[in-house]
Amino acid sequence: MYQNKKSVLIFGVGPLQESIIGRAKKMGLYTVGIDPCEDATCKDCVDAFEVVPGQDYEGHCAVIEKYSIDAIVTAATDKPLVMMARMAEKYGFPFYSVETARWSTDKFQMKERFELGGVPHAQGRLISKVEEAEGLVFPVIVKPRDNSGSRGVKLCRDKNELQISIDEALENSKLDTVLVEEFIEGPEYSIESLHHDGKSEVIQFTEKKTTEFPYNVELGHIQPANISDENKQKIREIISKIGKALNFENCPSHTELKINDRGIFVIETSPRLGGDYITSTLTPLSTGVNLEDELLKISLGVKINPTPNAVQYSGVRFFSFKEGSVIKHVPNEEFVKGWPHVVDFSFALKEGDKVNRITSSLNRYGQLILQAGNRDAIEEAFEKYEKVISESIFS
């Protein structure tokens, strides 16, 4: 108890944590943010801010003891998960094990757990140079073992492209090998779940839109996804297998998968919330369940009983304009004021800027978030509004 309030330590104080900081404050919690960067974007959003290097075990312990921390959380980032698990082990916070955190932050170890748990997944192996590529069937996906946000992830069509893809993945990794994964055809989805009281519970199914290869960056999402009831039930069973294989408990999960004529294939999972507004905005809009609130309750040892009520559709579209185009006019929130279905709008480029190529979630430059009563209304609004916004920016 700190200053007569329960205190929560939020790992990471960047933009991905802004929403959960606000939810914690709304719940009456004293918020302490910890980040290795002294200029963290949301440092002024928390009640107290501490700069501690990510691997500084004693530094983390000191912050927990200084503020008499009652709970630990993070939102849509993988980087602090192992340290969080170590803190939970030492201080008894509701969380998963250090072993689970390590499996979940190494994509190859994750696949090994999938194999043991009977989880259908994209097959993969480790390499560090082209000479180790014998037997590969192209195309393949090359990715870092230990990163997220599509950083360093690239489609490789043949052996001639392989070394460049390996080098790019290694530049985005702290390890000396990369994961080479079979390319799975088909539409991509993410599954937003909660793991508590020994059970795995799917809250929402998210449909994804991504950039064209070689990069595979998410450009949009719609909830609920257009998935058959039969496949939804199969996915629920797969999520349960994932929970058991990785020992997920006292956590959410964000699982990416593809569906094609051969079946359902898990690409990867993580015991944290989904980014790209999936958790903070879309899921509450489409289900009435705020996963950030549920996670905060779990972290405080409070029993939860989330009840999804899928009566609405929600979506986000990240702008993707022609590379090299010059911004002539910057629309603001007033520009979209009064447009039906609009929940949020943001645009980060300035007049005179050139449009960059989107290679990861870090260099996208704006988005539009909508809510409507049916899927057609969402899709029609996105098509109409993107055209109007584009004309405003470039005319």
Protein backbone atom coordinates (compact mmCIF):
# COMPACT_ATOMS: atom_id res chain seq x y z
CA MET A 1 0.00 0.00 0.00
CA TYR A 2 1.49 3.35 -1.06
CA GLN A 3 -0.04 6.67 0.00
CA ASN A 4 -3.23 4.83 1.07
CA LYS A 5 -3.66 3.40 -2.43
CA LYS A 6 -2.70 0.07 -3.90
CA SER A 7 0.29 0.58 -6.16
CA VAL A 8 0.96 -1.01 -9.53
CA LEU A 9 4.34 -1.14 -11.26
CA ILE A 10 3.94 -0.71 -15.01
CA PHE A 11 6.84 -2.11 -17.04
CA GLY A 12 7.55 0.17 -19.98
CA VAL A 13 6.35 3.77 -20.19
CA GLY A 14 6.16 4.12 -23.96
CA PRO A 15 3.04 4.69 -26.08
CA LEU A 16 2.00 1.02 -25.86
CA GLN A 17 1.44 1.49 -22.12
CA GLU A 18 -0.49 4.77 -22.22
CA SER A 19 -3.93 3.18 -22.21
CA ILE A 20 -3.29 0.75 -19.35
CA ILE A 21 -1.79 3.58 -17.28
CA GLY A 22 -5.07 5.46 -17.70
CA ARG A 23 -7.12 2.39 -16.80
CA ALA A 24 -5.04 1.82 -13.66
CA LYS A 25 -5.60 5.42 -12.57
CA LYS A 26 -9.32 5.08 -13.24
CA MET A 27 -9.32 2.08 -10.88
CA GLY A 28 -7.79 4.28 -8.17
CA LEU A 29 -4.33 2.71 -8.28
CA TYR A 30 -1.06 4.55 -7.62
CA THR A 31 0.89 4.11 -10.86
CA VAL A 32 4.65 3.67 -10.90
CA GLY A 33 6.28 3.48 -14.32
CA ILE A 34 9.65 1.85 -14.93
CA ASP A 35 11.60 2.21 -18.16
CA PRO A 36 15.25 2.07 -19.27
CA CYS A 37 14.76 5.32 -21.21
CA GLU A 38 14.75 8.56 -19.21
CA ASP A 39 12.77 10.26 -22.00
CA ALA A 40 10.03 7.60 -22.11
CA THR A 41 7.02 8.99 -23.98
CA CYS A 42 4.46 8.54 -21.18
CA LYS A 43 6.63 9.31 -18.15
CA ASP A 44 4.38 12.25 -17.25
CA CYS A 45 1.29 10.00 -17.31
CA VAL A 46 2.30 7.97 -14.23
CA ASP A 47 2.30 9.09 -10.59
CA ALA A 48 5.97 8.15 -10.20
CA PHE A 49 8.63 7.35 -12.80
CA GLU A 50 11.87 5.41 -12.35
CA VAL A 51 14.66 4.83 -14.87
CA VAL A 52 16.10 1.31 -14.52
CA PRO A 53 18.01 -0.70 -17.17
CA GLY A 54 15.99 -3.65 -18.42
CA GLN A 55 18.40 -6.28 -17.04
CA ASP A 56 19.08 -4.60 -13.68
CA TYR A 57 17.59 -7.12 -11.23
CA GLU A 58 18.57 -5.25 -8.07
CA GLY A 59 17.33 -1.97 -9.55
CA HIS A 60 13.88 -3.47 -10.13
CA CYS A 61 13.83 -4.89 -6.60
CA ALA A 62 14.69 -1.46 -5.20
CA VAL A 63 11.73 0.17 -7.00
CA ILE A 64 9.31 -2.51 -5.81
CA GLU A 65 10.44 -2.05 -2.22
CA LYS A 66 10.55 1.76 -2.41
CA TYR A 67 6.89 2.00 -3.43
CA SER A 68 5.56 -1.11 -1.62
CA ILE A 69 4.30 -2.39 -4.96
CA ASP A 70 1.13 -4.53 -4.87
CA ALA A 71 0.98 -5.62 -8.53
CA ILE A 72 3.00 -5.69 -11.76
CA VAL A 73 1.70 -5.32 -15.33
CA THR A 74 2.72 -4.53 -18.87
CA ALA A 75 0.54 -4.14 -21.95
CA ALA A 76 1.69 -4.95 -25.48
CA THR A 77 5.42 -5.52 -25.14
CA ASP A 78 7.50 -8.69 -24.77
CA LYS A 79 10.78 -7.18 -23.61
CA PRO A 80 10.18 -7.03 -19.82
CA LEU A 81 8.41 -10.40 -19.45
CA VAL A 82 11.38 -12.37 -18.10
CA MET A 83 12.27 -9.66 -15.57
CA MET A 84 8.62 -9.41 -14.53
CA ALA A 85 8.51 -13.17 -13.96
CA ARG A 86 11.66 -12.93 -11.83
CA MET A 87 10.08 -10.16 -9.75
CA ALA A 88 6.89 -12.21 -9.37
CA GLU A 89 8.93 -15.21 -8.24
CA LYS A 90 10.72 -13.12 -5.59
CA TYR A 91 7.77 -11.10 -4.28
CA GLY A 92 4.83 -13.44 -4.89
CA PHE A 93 2.90 -11.37 -7.46
CA PRO A 94 0.26 -13.22 -9.55
CA PHE A 95 2.15 -13.97 -12.76
CA TYR A 96 3.53 -16.89 -14.76
CA SER A 97 6.87 -18.62 -14.22
CA VAL A 98 10.31 -17.50 -15.38
CA GLU A 99 10.39 -20.64 -17.53
CA THR A 100 7.15 -19.62 -19.28
CA ALA A 101 8.50 -16.10 -19.86
CA ARG A 102 11.66 -17.50 -21.47
CA TRP A 103 9.74 -19.89 -23.71
CA SER A 104 7.46 -17.03 -24.76
CA THR A 105 10.22 -14.59 -25.68
CA ASP A 106 12.24 -17.03 -27.81
CA LYS A 107 10.24 -17.98 -30.89
CA PHE A 108 12.21 -21.20 -31.42
CA GLN A 109 11.70 -22.42 -27.85
CA MET A 110 8.04 -21.52 -28.32
CA LYS A 111 7.84 -23.84 -31.33
CA GLU A 112 9.42 -26.62 -29.30
CA ARG A 113 6.66 -26.21 -26.71
CA PHE A 114 4.03 -26.18 -29.49
CA GLU A 115 5.44 -29.47 -30.78
CA LEU A 116 5.30 -31.07 -27.34
CA GLY A 117 1.77 -29.76 -26.73
CA GLY A 118 0.25 -30.85 -30.03
CA VAL A 119 -0.32 -27.27 -31.21
CA PRO A 120 -0.54 -27.02 -35.04
CA HIS A 121 2.11 -24.50 -36.08
CA ALA A 122 4.36 -23.22 -38.84
CA GLN A 123 7.48 -25.40 -38.86
CA GLY A 124 10.83 -23.67 -38.42
CA ARG A 125 14.52 -24.08 -37.71
CA LEU A 126 17.52 -21.98 -36.68
CA ILE A 127 20.28 -20.79 -38.99
CA SER A 128 22.92 -18.06 -38.95
CA LYS A 129 24.24 -18.18 -42.53
CA VAL A 130 23.27 -19.30 -46.03
CA GLU A 131 25.49 -22.37 -45.84
CA GLU A 132 23.11 -23.83 -43.25
CA ALA A 133 20.09 -23.53 -45.55
CA GLU A 134 20.31 -26.94 -47.20
CA GLY A 135 16.90 -28.55 -47.51
CA LEU A 136 14.89 -25.32 -47.14
CA VAL A 137 11.76 -25.14 -49.27
CA PHE A 138 11.17 -21.57 -50.47
CA PRO A 139 9.50 -19.21 -49.90
CA VAL A 140 10.27 -18.92 -46.18
CA ILE A 141 9.80 -16.31 -43.47
CA VAL A 142 12.99 -15.13 -41.77
CA LYS A 143 12.56 -13.51 -38.36
CA PRO A 144 14.47 -12.69 -35.17
CA ARG A 145 13.88 -15.16 -32.34
CA ASP A 146 13.57 -12.43 -29.73
CA ASN A 147 11.71 -9.41 -31.13
CA SER A 148 8.16 -8.26 -31.90
CA GLY A 149 6.27 -5.64 -33.89
CA SER A 150 7.33 -7.24 -37.23
CA ARG A 151 10.86 -5.87 -36.72
CA GLY A 152 13.30 -7.83 -38.89
CA VAL A 153 10.58 -10.12 -40.27
CA LYS A 154 10.80 -10.70 -44.02
CA LEU A 155 9.63 -13.07 -46.74
CA CYS A 156 12.52 -14.72 -48.57
CA ARG A 157 11.58 -16.10 -51.99
CA ASP A 158 14.80 -17.91 -52.87
CA LYS A 159 18.32 -18.65 -51.68
CA ASN A 160 19.69 -15.50 -53.36
CA GLU A 161 17.68 -13.33 -50.94
CA LEU A 162 18.47 -15.40 -47.88
CA GLN A 163 21.68 -13.79 -46.58
CA ILE A 164 20.20 -10.29 -46.78
CA SER A 165 17.15 -11.50 -44.85
CA ILE A 166 19.34 -13.24 -42.25
CA ASP A 167 21.43 -10.10 -41.77
CA GLU A 168 18.33 -7.93 -41.36
CA ALA A 169 16.88 -10.31 -38.76
CA LEU A 170 20.19 -10.44 -36.86
CA GLU A 171 20.29 -6.63 -36.78
CA ASN A 172 17.00 -6.79 -34.86
CA SER A 173 18.12 -9.50 -32.45
CA LYS A 174 20.44 -10.01 -29.48
CA LEU A 175 21.03 -13.65 -30.48
CA ASP A 176 23.37 -15.17 -33.06
CA THR A 177 20.81 -17.29 -34.91
CA VAL A 178 17.52 -16.48 -36.63
CA LEU A 179 14.32 -18.44 -37.13
CA VAL A 180 13.54 -19.60 -40.66
CA GLU A 181 9.90 -20.60 -40.86
CA GLU A 182 7.75 -22.22 -43.52
CA PHE A 183 5.51 -19.74 -45.31
CA ILE A 184 1.85 -20.42 -44.58
CA GLU A 185 -0.67 -19.21 -47.15
CA GLY A 186 -3.99 -17.77 -46.06
CA PRO A 187 -5.59 -14.91 -44.16
CA GLU A 188 -4.13 -13.96 -40.79
CA TYR A 189 -5.94 -13.56 -37.48
CA SER A 190 -5.12 -12.86 -33.88
CA ILE A 191 -6.89 -14.33 -30.89
CA GLU A 192 -7.29 -12.30 -27.70
CA SER A 193 -7.55 -14.52 -24.63
CA LEU A 194 -7.32 -14.64 -20.84
CA HIS A 195 -5.72 -17.43 -18.80
CA HIS A 196 -6.90 -17.58 -15.20
CA ASP A 197 -8.00 -20.07 -12.56
CA GLY A 198 -6.54 -22.93 -14.61
CA LYS A 199 -8.57 -22.20 -17.75
CA SER A 200 -8.05 -20.49 -21.10
CA GLU A 201 -10.83 -18.20 -22.31
CA VAL A 202 -11.07 -16.63 -25.78
CA ILE A 203 -12.51 -13.11 -25.62
CA GLN A 204 -12.33 -12.01 -29.26
CA PHE A 205 -11.22 -13.05 -32.77
CA THR A 206 -9.39 -10.35 -34.76
CA GLU A 207 -9.07 -10.27 -38.55
CA LYS A 208 -5.88 -8.70 -39.91
CA LYS A 209 -4.86 -6.79 -43.01
CA THR A 210 -1.12 -6.65 -43.70
CA THR A 211 1.33 -5.01 -46.11
CA GLU A 212 2.42 -6.85 -49.21
CA PHE A 213 5.56 -8.95 -48.86
CA PRO A 214 8.54 -9.00 -48.44
CA TYR A 215 7.60 -7.20 -45.19
CA ASN A 216 4.55 -8.35 -43.28
CA VAL A 217 3.35 -5.37 -41.24
CA GLU A 218 -0.20 -5.06 -39.94
CA LEU A 219 -2.21 -2.31 -41.65
CA GLY A 220 -5.63 -2.95 -40.19
CA HIS A 221 -7.89 -5.07 -38.01
CA ILE A 222 -11.60 -5.82 -37.80
CA GLN A 223 -13.45 -7.43 -34.88
CA PRO A 224 -15.08 -9.86 -34.78
CA ALA A 225 -13.28 -11.76 -37.53
CA ASN A 226 -15.22 -13.50 -40.27
CA ILE A 227 -14.49 -17.06 -39.08
CA SER A 228 -16.89 -20.01 -39.18
CA ASP A 229 -18.33 -21.30 -35.91
CA GLU A 230 -16.57 -24.62 -36.55
CA ASN A 231 -13.18 -22.96 -36.86
CA LYS A 232 -13.86 -20.76 -33.84
CA GLN A 233 -14.39 -23.87 -31.75
CA LYS A 234 -11.19 -25.42 -33.13
CA ILE A 235 -9.33 -22.22 -32.26
CA ARG A 236 -10.66 -22.28 -28.70
CA GLU A 237 -9.29 -25.81 -28.36
CA ILE A 238 -5.94 -24.70 -29.80
CA ILE A 239 -5.73 -21.78 -27.36
CA SER A 240 -6.35 -24.21 -24.52
CA LYS A 241 -3.49 -26.40 -25.81
CA ILE A 242 -1.23 -23.34 -26.02
CA GLY A 243 -2.09 -22.40 -22.46
CA LYS A 244 -1.13 -25.86 -21.25
CA ALA A 245 1.99 -26.17 -23.44
CA LEU A 246 3.43 -22.86 -22.22
CA ASN A 247 1.91 -22.94 -18.72
CA PHE A 248 0.03 -19.66 -19.19
CA GLU A 249 -1.63 -18.54 -15.95
CA ASN A 250 -2.57 -15.14 -14.51
CA CYS A 251 -2.13 -13.50 -17.91
CA PRO A 252 -3.71 -12.56 -21.22
CA SER A 253 -2.42 -13.92 -24.52
CA HIS A 254 -2.21 -12.59 -28.05
CA THR A 255 -1.95 -15.44 -30.57
CA GLU A 256 -1.37 -15.02 -34.30
CA LEU A 257 -2.52 -17.73 -36.69
CA LYS A 258 -3.48 -18.44 -40.28
CA ILE A 259 -6.31 -20.48 -41.74
CA ASN A 260 -6.24 -22.24 -45.11
CA ASP A 261 -7.54 -25.41 -46.78
CA ARG A 262 -4.99 -27.49 -44.86
CA GLY A 263 -6.17 -26.27 -41.48
CA ILE A 264 -5.30 -23.79 -38.75
CA PHE A 265 -1.64 -22.95 -38.13
CA VAL A 266 -0.34 -20.97 -35.17
CA ILE A 267 2.44 -18.55 -36.11
CA GLU A 268 3.31 -17.37 -32.60
CA THR A 269 1.84 -16.34 -29.27
CA SER A 270 2.74 -14.14 -26.32
CA PRO A 271 1.40 -13.93 -22.75
CA ARG A 272 0.63 -10.23 -22.99
CA LEU A 273 -1.99 -7.94 -24.49
CA GLY A 274 -2.25 -7.23 -28.21
CA GLY A 275 -0.99 -3.92 -29.58
CA ASP A 276 -2.23 -1.84 -32.52
CA TYR A 277 -5.29 -0.73 -30.48
CA ILE A 278 -6.57 -4.33 -30.51
CA THR A 279 -6.74 -4.55 -26.73
CA SER A 280 -7.00 -0.93 -25.66
CA THR A 281 -9.77 0.11 -28.05
CA LEU A 282 -11.16 -2.48 -30.47
CA THR A 283 -11.96 -5.28 -28.02
CA PRO A 284 -13.88 -3.05 -25.57
CA LEU A 285 -15.78 -1.56 -28.50
CA SER A 286 -16.74 -4.95 -29.95
CA THR A 287 -17.26 -7.08 -26.82
CA GLY A 288 -17.80 -4.76 -23.87
CA VAL A 289 -14.84 -6.45 -22.14
CA ASN A 290 -11.84 -4.28 -21.30
CA LEU A 291 -8.88 -6.66 -21.24
CA GLU A 292 -6.67 -4.05 -19.59
CA ASP A 293 -9.09 -3.88 -16.66
CA GLU A 294 -9.22 -7.67 -16.46
CA LEU A 295 -5.41 -7.87 -16.45
CA LEU A 296 -5.17 -5.27 -13.69
CA LYS A 297 -7.64 -7.28 -11.61
CA ILE A 298 -5.65 -10.48 -12.18
CA SER A 299 -2.44 -8.70 -11.17
CA LEU A 300 -4.09 -7.65 -7.90
CA GLY A 301 -5.29 -11.17 -7.16
CA VAL A 302 -8.95 -10.35 -7.88
CA LYS A 303 -11.13 -13.08 -9.39
CA ILE A 304 -12.47 -12.23 -12.84
CA ASN A 305 -15.50 -13.33 -14.82
CA PRO A 306 -15.38 -11.57 -18.21
CA THR A 307 -18.55 -11.86 -20.29
CA PRO A 308 -18.08 -10.94 -23.98
CA ASN A 309 -21.13 -9.41 -25.62
CA ALA A 310 -20.31 -9.28 -29.34
CA VAL A 311 -23.01 -6.94 -30.57
CA GLN A 312 -20.78 -4.37 -32.28
CA TYR A 313 -18.05 -4.32 -34.92
CA SER A 314 -14.86 -2.31 -34.52
CA GLY A 315 -11.83 -1.72 -36.70
CA VAL A 316 -8.60 0.18 -37.16
CA ARG A 317 -6.93 1.09 -40.44
CA PHE A 318 -3.35 2.32 -40.52
CA PHE A 319 -2.72 4.67 -43.42
CA SER A 320 -0.52 3.34 -46.22
CA PHE A 321 0.08 5.91 -48.93
CA LYS A 322 2.37 5.71 -51.96
CA GLU A 323 6.01 5.68 -50.91
CA GLY A 324 7.77 8.97 -51.70
CA SER A 325 4.58 11.04 -51.93
CA VAL A 326 4.88 14.51 -50.38
CA ILE A 327 2.43 15.63 -47.69
CA LYS A 328 0.72 18.85 -48.82
CA HIS A 329 -1.86 19.24 -46.06
CA VAL A 330 -2.21 17.74 -42.59
CA PRO A 331 -5.78 16.99 -41.45
CA ASN A 332 -6.56 17.19 -37.74
CA GLU A 333 -9.26 15.72 -35.52
CA GLU A 334 -11.65 18.53 -36.46
CA PHE A 335 -11.47 17.32 -40.07
CA VAL A 336 -13.25 14.06 -39.19
CA LYS A 337 -15.51 15.51 -36.49
CA GLY A 338 -19.08 14.40 -37.01
CA TRP A 339 -18.24 11.58 -39.42
CA PRO A 340 -20.42 8.54 -38.60
CA HIS A 341 -18.69 5.61 -36.85
CA VAL A 342 -15.39 7.46 -36.19
CA VAL A 343 -13.93 6.79 -32.73
CA ASP A 344 -10.39 8.08 -33.18
CA PHE A 345 -8.12 9.64 -35.80
CA SER A 346 -4.40 10.39 -35.75
CA PHE A 347 -1.83 11.46 -38.35
CA ALA A 348 1.86 11.88 -37.46
CA LEU A 349 3.44 13.28 -40.64
CA LYS A 350 3.95 17.00 -41.23
CA GLU A 351 3.51 19.22 -44.26
CA GLY A 352 6.44 18.65 -46.62
CA ASP A 353 7.26 15.17 -45.27
CA LYS A 354 7.78 12.32 -47.69
CA VAL A 355 5.82 9.12 -47.15
CA ASN A 356 8.13 6.34 -46.00
CA ARG A 357 7.91 2.65 -46.77
CA ILE A 358 6.27 0.78 -43.90
CA THR A 359 8.67 -1.96 -42.77
CA SER A 360 7.53 -2.44 -39.15
CA SER A 361 4.88 -1.21 -36.73
CA LEU A 362 7.34 1.49 -35.60
CA ASN A 363 7.24 3.52 -38.81
CA ARG A 364 3.52 3.68 -39.49
CA TYR A 365 2.22 7.24 -39.51
CA GLY A 366 -1.44 7.38 -38.60
CA GLN A 367 -4.71 5.53 -38.16
CA LEU A 368 -8.48 5.70 -38.19
CA ILE A 369 -10.61 3.74 -35.69
CA LEU A 370 -14.29 2.98 -36.33
CA GLN A 371 -17.23 1.28 -34.61
CA ALA A 372 -20.49 0.18 -36.25
CA GLY A 373 -23.34 -2.24 -35.84
CA ASN A 374 -22.31 -4.49 -38.74
CA ARG A 375 -19.30 -5.43 -40.84
CA ASP A 376 -20.54 -3.84 -44.08
CA ALA A 377 -20.84 -0.44 -42.40
CA ILE A 378 -17.25 -0.67 -41.11
CA GLU A 379 -15.81 -1.69 -44.49
CA GLU A 380 -17.79 0.90 -46.45
CA ALA A 381 -16.78 3.66 -44.03
CA PHE A 382 -13.09 2.72 -44.23
CA GLU A 383 -13.17 2.77 -48.03
CA LYS A 384 -14.96 6.13 -48.15
CA TYR A 385 -12.98 7.88 -45.42
CA GLU A 386 -9.55 6.72 -46.57
CA LYS A 387 -10.27 8.18 -50.01
CA VAL A 388 -11.42 11.51 -48.55
CA ILE A 389 -8.44 11.72 -46.18
CA SER A 390 -5.99 10.87 -48.98
CA GLU A 391 -7.45 13.56 -51.23
CA SER A 392 -7.15 16.08 -48.40
CA ILE A 393 -3.50 15.21 -47.71
CA PHE A 394 -2.21 15.19 -51.28
CA SER A 395 -4.43 17.67 -53.17
